[in-house]
Amino acid sequence: MTGDNPSLLTPPVRSEDQSDMTAAKSRVNLGALIDVDQTTIYQRCGKRLIDATLSFVALLVLCPLFAVVGIIIKCTSPGPVLYWQDRVGRAGRIFKIAKFRSMVVGADQKGLGITISGDARVTRVGGFLRKSKIDEFPQLWNVLKGEMSLVGPRPELSQYVAAYTPEQRLVLQVRPGITDPASIRYRHEEAVLATSQNPDEFYRGVILPDKLAINSEYIREISAYSDIKCVIHTMTSLFKQPTILSSEQISGDSARSADLSAEKKLRT
């Protein structure tokens, strides 16, 4: 998708969207949040210290790559280099997430909030950026600012968050991340959605609840080990031969996971 300003550090201000954003924010903030105990030194300050240090170093190291990607985007598709999009962060706060633009200008006005394989809005270069996850690299800036973490639940659009149950709102208690355990499971989410007759309904009813359940488990057991493990699995998943499940298979797996989770709660 796209934005109106190619600057890396200054997201565009769209005055016509302010009322909609305010309304969305008020919906997102409704309801009580479930507290997460931040008991370890890593959870209280170590995680943030590592995020800030690594994101700063990574931004410096990746500057040449950013310049090359920016030039390629500019030369192959009209529009800005970066796309800034409103996402829901910690405690329901709205923030601007940064991405390399991988879609045509105005894509967010021409379709769903999700993307499926073969989406006509994706540019030729954008397809590679999305597949390789290079389009997510500018989010290191969000990490440096403290809006995101290297590892944490992926931030969602406000229209999806507004429908969260109290239990699902657990993910809003921590900073969202560039990667998370659910992102690894749904590495090829766009291809899965393409097998569904109603991608948006399938995402809302099956994939998103499964993602939230996976990330809720992660949040309750955050540690340096779990974060390192997630980063390693994320990196190795980029080089593995994809195993793309159909929407029917995902539905069956999600139902079984829900049953196991319910049994676990009963036992405890």
Protein backbone atom coordinates (compact mmCIF):
# COMPACT_ATOMS: atom_id res chain seq x y z
CA MET A 1 0.00 0.00 0.00
CA THR A 2 0.99 3.60 -0.27
CA GLY A 3 1.23 6.96 1.39
CA ASP A 4 1.73 10.54 0.27
CA ASN A 5 5.16 11.39 1.65
CA PRO A 6 8.41 9.65 0.71
CA SER A 7 10.22 10.92 3.80
CA LEU A 8 11.38 8.23 6.19
CA LEU A 9 11.03 10.30 9.33
CA THR A 10 7.92 12.40 8.69
CA PRO A 11 4.66 10.52 8.10
CA PRO A 12 1.93 12.37 6.20
CA VAL A 13 -0.85 14.13 8.07
CA ARG A 14 -4.21 13.52 6.45
CA SER A 15 -6.65 15.99 8.01
CA GLU A 16 -9.64 14.33 6.36
CA ASP A 17 -8.89 11.13 8.26
CA GLN A 18 -8.63 12.71 11.72
CA SER A 19 -12.27 12.22 12.68
CA ASP A 20 -12.24 8.60 11.50
CA MET A 21 -8.99 7.95 13.37
CA THR A 22 -10.38 9.51 16.55
CA ALA A 23 -13.49 7.35 16.34
CA ALA A 24 -11.43 4.23 15.69
CA LYS A 25 -9.14 5.03 18.60
CA SER A 26 -12.07 5.45 20.98
CA ARG A 27 -13.41 2.05 19.93
CA VAL A 28 -10.03 0.40 20.35
CA ASN A 29 -9.65 1.80 23.86
CA LEU A 30 -13.05 0.58 25.05
CA GLY A 31 -13.02 -2.22 27.62
CA ALA A 32 -10.59 -3.35 30.27
CA LEU A 33 -7.22 -4.80 29.40
CA ILE A 34 -5.96 -7.99 30.99
CA ASP A 35 -2.80 -7.30 32.97
CA VAL A 36 0.41 -9.13 32.13
CA ASP A 37 2.90 -9.58 34.94
CA GLN A 38 6.26 -8.06 33.97
CA THR A 39 8.26 -9.93 36.57
CA THR A 40 11.70 -10.43 35.05
CA ILE A 41 14.43 -7.88 34.39
CA TYR A 42 14.25 -8.77 30.71
CA GLN A 43 10.53 -8.02 30.56
CA ARG A 44 10.80 -4.76 32.51
CA CYS A 45 13.80 -3.16 30.81
CA GLY A 46 16.08 -5.66 29.08
CA LYS A 47 13.82 -6.20 26.10
CA ARG A 48 13.46 -2.48 25.42
CA LEU A 49 17.21 -1.90 25.80
CA ILE A 50 18.00 -4.63 23.29
CA ASP A 51 15.32 -3.34 20.90
CA ALA A 52 16.70 0.21 20.95
CA THR A 53 20.32 -0.89 20.56
CA LEU A 54 19.80 -3.41 17.78
CA SER A 55 17.36 -1.23 15.81
CA PHE A 56 19.81 1.70 15.92
CA VAL A 57 22.70 -0.46 14.70
CA ALA A 58 20.54 -2.13 12.07
CA LEU A 59 19.34 1.20 10.68
CA LEU A 60 22.92 2.36 10.29
CA VAL A 61 24.07 -0.89 8.66
CA LEU A 62 21.07 -1.10 6.34
CA CYS A 63 21.24 2.50 5.09
CA PRO A 64 22.84 1.46 1.77
CA LEU A 65 20.16 -1.19 1.24
CA PHE A 66 17.43 1.32 2.06
CA ALA A 67 18.87 3.70 -0.54
CA VAL A 68 18.98 0.99 -3.24
CA VAL A 69 15.44 -0.21 -2.48
CA GLY A 70 14.18 3.37 -2.50
CA ILE A 71 15.72 4.06 -5.90
CA ILE A 72 14.25 0.85 -7.35
CA ILE A 73 10.77 1.67 -6.03
CA LYS A 74 10.97 5.20 -7.44
CA CYS A 75 12.16 4.00 -10.84
CA THR A 76 9.57 1.24 -11.24
CA SER A 77 6.37 2.71 -9.80
CA PRO A 78 5.02 6.26 -9.43
CA GLY A 79 4.56 7.38 -5.86
CA PRO A 80 6.49 7.68 -2.59
CA VAL A 81 9.12 5.24 -1.38
CA LEU A 82 7.49 4.64 2.00
CA TYR A 83 3.95 3.92 3.07
CA TRP A 84 2.76 5.03 6.51
CA GLN A 85 -0.33 3.30 7.87
CA ASP A 86 -2.31 3.69 11.09
CA ARG A 87 -1.98 0.60 13.29
CA VAL A 88 -2.99 -0.16 16.87
CA GLY A 89 -0.11 -0.36 19.31
CA ARG A 90 0.42 -0.91 23.00
CA ALA A 91 -2.58 0.03 25.19
CA GLY A 92 -4.63 0.68 22.07
CA ARG A 93 -2.63 3.72 20.95
CA ILE A 94 -2.69 4.49 17.24
CA PHE A 95 0.71 4.91 15.60
CA LYS A 96 2.09 5.19 12.06
CA ILE A 97 3.79 1.99 10.94
CA ALA A 98 6.46 2.38 8.23
CA LYS A 99 6.85 0.10 5.22
CA PHE A 100 8.51 0.24 1.85
CA ARG A 101 5.66 0.84 -0.57
CA SER A 102 4.80 -2.43 -2.29
CA MET A 103 1.46 -1.43 -3.82
CA VAL A 104 0.17 1.14 -6.25
CA VAL A 105 -0.75 4.62 -5.07
CA GLY A 106 -4.16 4.66 -3.39
CA ALA A 107 -4.24 0.88 -2.89
CA ASP A 108 -5.80 1.28 0.56
CA GLN A 109 -8.84 2.85 -1.12
CA LYS A 110 -9.18 0.12 -3.75
CA GLY A 111 -9.63 -3.07 -1.78
CA LEU A 112 -9.53 -4.95 1.51
CA GLY A 113 -7.25 -4.25 4.47
CA ILE A 114 -5.64 -7.63 3.81
CA THR A 115 -3.71 -8.81 0.76
CA ILE A 116 -4.07 -12.09 -1.11
CA SER A 117 -1.79 -13.77 -3.65
CA GLY A 118 -2.24 -12.29 -7.09
CA ASP A 119 -3.57 -8.99 -5.71
CA ALA A 120 -3.52 -6.55 -8.62
CA ARG A 121 -2.59 -3.70 -6.26
CA VAL A 122 0.88 -5.16 -5.62
CA THR A 123 3.61 -3.76 -7.88
CA ARG A 124 6.13 -5.94 -9.67
CA VAL A 125 8.93 -4.96 -7.28
CA GLY A 126 6.48 -4.98 -4.37
CA GLY A 127 5.87 -8.69 -4.83
CA PHE A 128 9.54 -9.41 -4.19
CA LEU A 129 9.69 -6.96 -1.26
CA ARG A 130 6.73 -8.65 0.40
CA LYS A 131 7.98 -12.19 -0.22
CA SER A 132 11.42 -11.39 1.17
CA LYS A 133 9.95 -9.24 3.98
CA ILE A 134 12.24 -6.38 3.01
CA ASP A 135 9.16 -4.16 2.94
CA GLU A 136 9.04 -4.49 6.75
CA PHE A 137 12.60 -3.22 7.35
CA PRO A 138 11.62 0.46 7.84
CA GLN A 139 9.77 -0.66 10.98
CA LEU A 140 13.16 -0.63 12.66
CA TRP A 141 12.44 3.10 12.94
CA ASN A 142 9.23 2.29 14.85
CA VAL A 143 11.28 0.01 17.12
CA LEU A 144 13.85 2.72 17.78
CA LYS A 145 11.07 5.17 18.68
CA GLY A 146 9.60 2.69 21.16
CA GLU A 147 6.36 2.15 19.26
CA MET A 148 7.29 -1.42 18.38
CA SER A 149 9.59 -4.24 19.45
CA LEU A 150 11.69 -6.60 17.38
CA VAL A 151 9.53 -9.46 18.63
CA GLY A 152 5.90 -9.01 19.58
CA PRO A 153 2.36 -9.45 18.23
CA ARG A 154 2.01 -7.91 14.79
CA PRO A 155 -0.02 -4.67 15.01
CA GLU A 156 -3.44 -4.78 13.39
CA LEU A 157 -5.77 -2.27 11.77
CA SER A 158 -8.25 -0.57 14.10
CA GLN A 159 -11.29 -2.18 12.44
CA TYR A 160 -10.00 -5.60 13.43
CA VAL A 161 -8.89 -4.62 16.95
CA ALA A 162 -12.26 -3.05 17.70
CA ALA A 163 -13.79 -6.54 17.54
CA TYR A 164 -11.31 -8.19 19.95
CA THR A 165 -12.72 -10.07 22.93
CA PRO A 166 -11.40 -9.17 26.42
CA GLU A 167 -9.11 -12.20 26.28
CA GLN A 168 -7.77 -11.27 22.87
CA ARG A 169 -6.99 -7.75 24.08
CA LEU A 170 -4.14 -9.30 26.02
CA VAL A 171 -1.93 -8.64 22.98
CA LEU A 172 -2.39 -4.88 23.51
CA GLN A 173 -0.50 -5.07 26.80
CA VAL A 174 2.89 -5.28 25.07
CA ARG A 175 4.58 -3.45 22.23
CA PRO A 176 3.71 -4.90 18.82
CA GLY A 177 6.60 -6.44 16.92
CA ILE A 178 8.19 -6.88 13.53
CA THR A 179 7.85 -10.63 13.93
CA ASP A 180 6.06 -13.04 16.25
CA PRO A 181 5.30 -16.77 16.51
CA ALA A 182 2.03 -16.33 14.60
CA SER A 183 3.86 -14.67 11.70
CA ILE A 184 5.97 -17.80 11.33
CA ARG A 185 2.91 -20.05 11.19
CA TYR A 186 1.26 -17.73 8.67
CA ARG A 187 4.40 -17.01 6.67
CA HIS A 188 2.37 -17.56 3.47
CA GLU A 189 -0.86 -16.00 4.67
CA GLU A 190 -1.54 -14.31 1.32
CA ALA A 191 -1.54 -17.68 -0.46
CA VAL A 192 -3.82 -19.20 2.19
CA LEU A 193 -6.30 -16.33 1.86
CA ALA A 194 -6.33 -16.84 -1.90
CA THR A 195 -7.87 -20.32 -1.36
CA SER A 196 -10.85 -18.86 0.52
CA GLN A 197 -14.05 -17.73 -1.18
CA ASN A 198 -14.34 -14.84 1.28
CA PRO A 199 -10.81 -13.80 2.33
CA ASP A 200 -11.84 -10.99 4.68
CA GLU A 201 -14.39 -13.14 6.51
CA PHE A 202 -11.92 -16.02 6.72
CA TYR A 203 -9.24 -13.71 8.10
CA ARG A 204 -11.56 -12.28 10.75
CA GLY A 205 -13.14 -15.58 11.72
CA VAL A 206 -10.27 -18.08 11.53
CA ILE A 207 -6.78 -16.69 10.94
CA LEU A 208 -6.90 -13.67 13.25
CA PRO A 209 -8.32 -15.57 16.27
CA ASP A 210 -5.64 -18.24 15.77
CA LYS A 211 -2.93 -15.59 15.58
CA LEU A 212 -4.19 -13.96 18.76
CA ALA A 213 -4.26 -17.29 20.60
CA ILE A 214 -0.68 -18.06 19.52
CA ASN A 215 0.55 -14.61 20.56
CA SER A 216 -1.29 -14.73 23.87
CA GLU A 217 0.74 -17.82 24.73
CA TYR A 218 3.92 -15.99 23.73
CA ILE A 219 3.06 -12.95 25.86
CA ARG A 220 2.49 -15.00 28.99
CA GLU A 221 5.98 -16.50 28.68
CA ILE A 222 8.12 -13.67 27.26
CA SER A 223 11.83 -14.29 27.77
CA ALA A 224 15.12 -13.62 26.04
CA TYR A 225 15.14 -17.27 24.99
CA SER A 226 11.68 -17.12 23.41
CA ASP A 227 12.57 -13.92 21.53
CA ILE A 228 15.86 -15.30 20.21
CA LYS A 229 14.09 -18.49 19.19
CA CYS A 230 11.42 -16.50 17.34
CA VAL A 231 13.99 -14.41 15.47
CA ILE A 232 15.93 -17.52 14.41
CA HIS A 233 12.76 -19.29 13.25
CA THR A 234 11.70 -16.18 11.34
CA MET A 235 15.02 -15.99 9.50
CA THR A 236 15.17 -19.70 8.68
CA SER A 237 11.56 -19.68 7.45
CA LEU A 238 12.59 -17.32 4.66
CA PHE A 239 14.75 -20.06 3.14
CA LYS A 240 12.48 -23.06 3.66
CA GLN A 241 10.38 -24.60 0.92
CA PRO A 242 6.87 -23.26 1.53
CA THR A 243 4.13 -25.59 2.67
CA ILE A 244 0.93 -23.73 1.89
CA LEU A 245 -2.15 -25.06 3.61
CA SER A 246 -5.63 -24.50 2.22
CA SER A 247 -8.26 -22.48 4.10
CA GLU A 248 -10.02 -25.76 4.97
CA GLN A 249 -6.86 -27.20 6.51
CA ILE A 250 -6.24 -23.99 8.47
CA SER A 251 -9.82 -24.09 9.77
CA GLY A 252 -9.37 -27.66 10.97
CA ASP A 253 -6.05 -26.92 12.66
CA SER A 254 -7.47 -23.83 14.36
CA ALA A 255 -10.48 -25.75 15.66
CA ARG A 256 -8.24 -28.46 17.12
CA SER A 257 -6.00 -25.82 18.72
CA ALA A 258 -9.03 -24.14 20.27
CA ASP A 259 -10.21 -27.47 21.72
CA LEU A 260 -6.79 -28.18 23.21
CA SER A 261 -6.64 -24.69 24.69
CA ALA A 262 -10.08 -25.12 26.25
CA GLU A 263 -9.05 -28.47 27.75
CA LYS A 264 -5.90 -26.90 29.16
CA LYS A 265 -7.92 -24.14 30.84
CA LEU A 266 -10.28 -26.69 32.37
CA ARG A 267 -7.37 -28.66 33.79
CA THR A 268 -5.85 -25.55 35.32
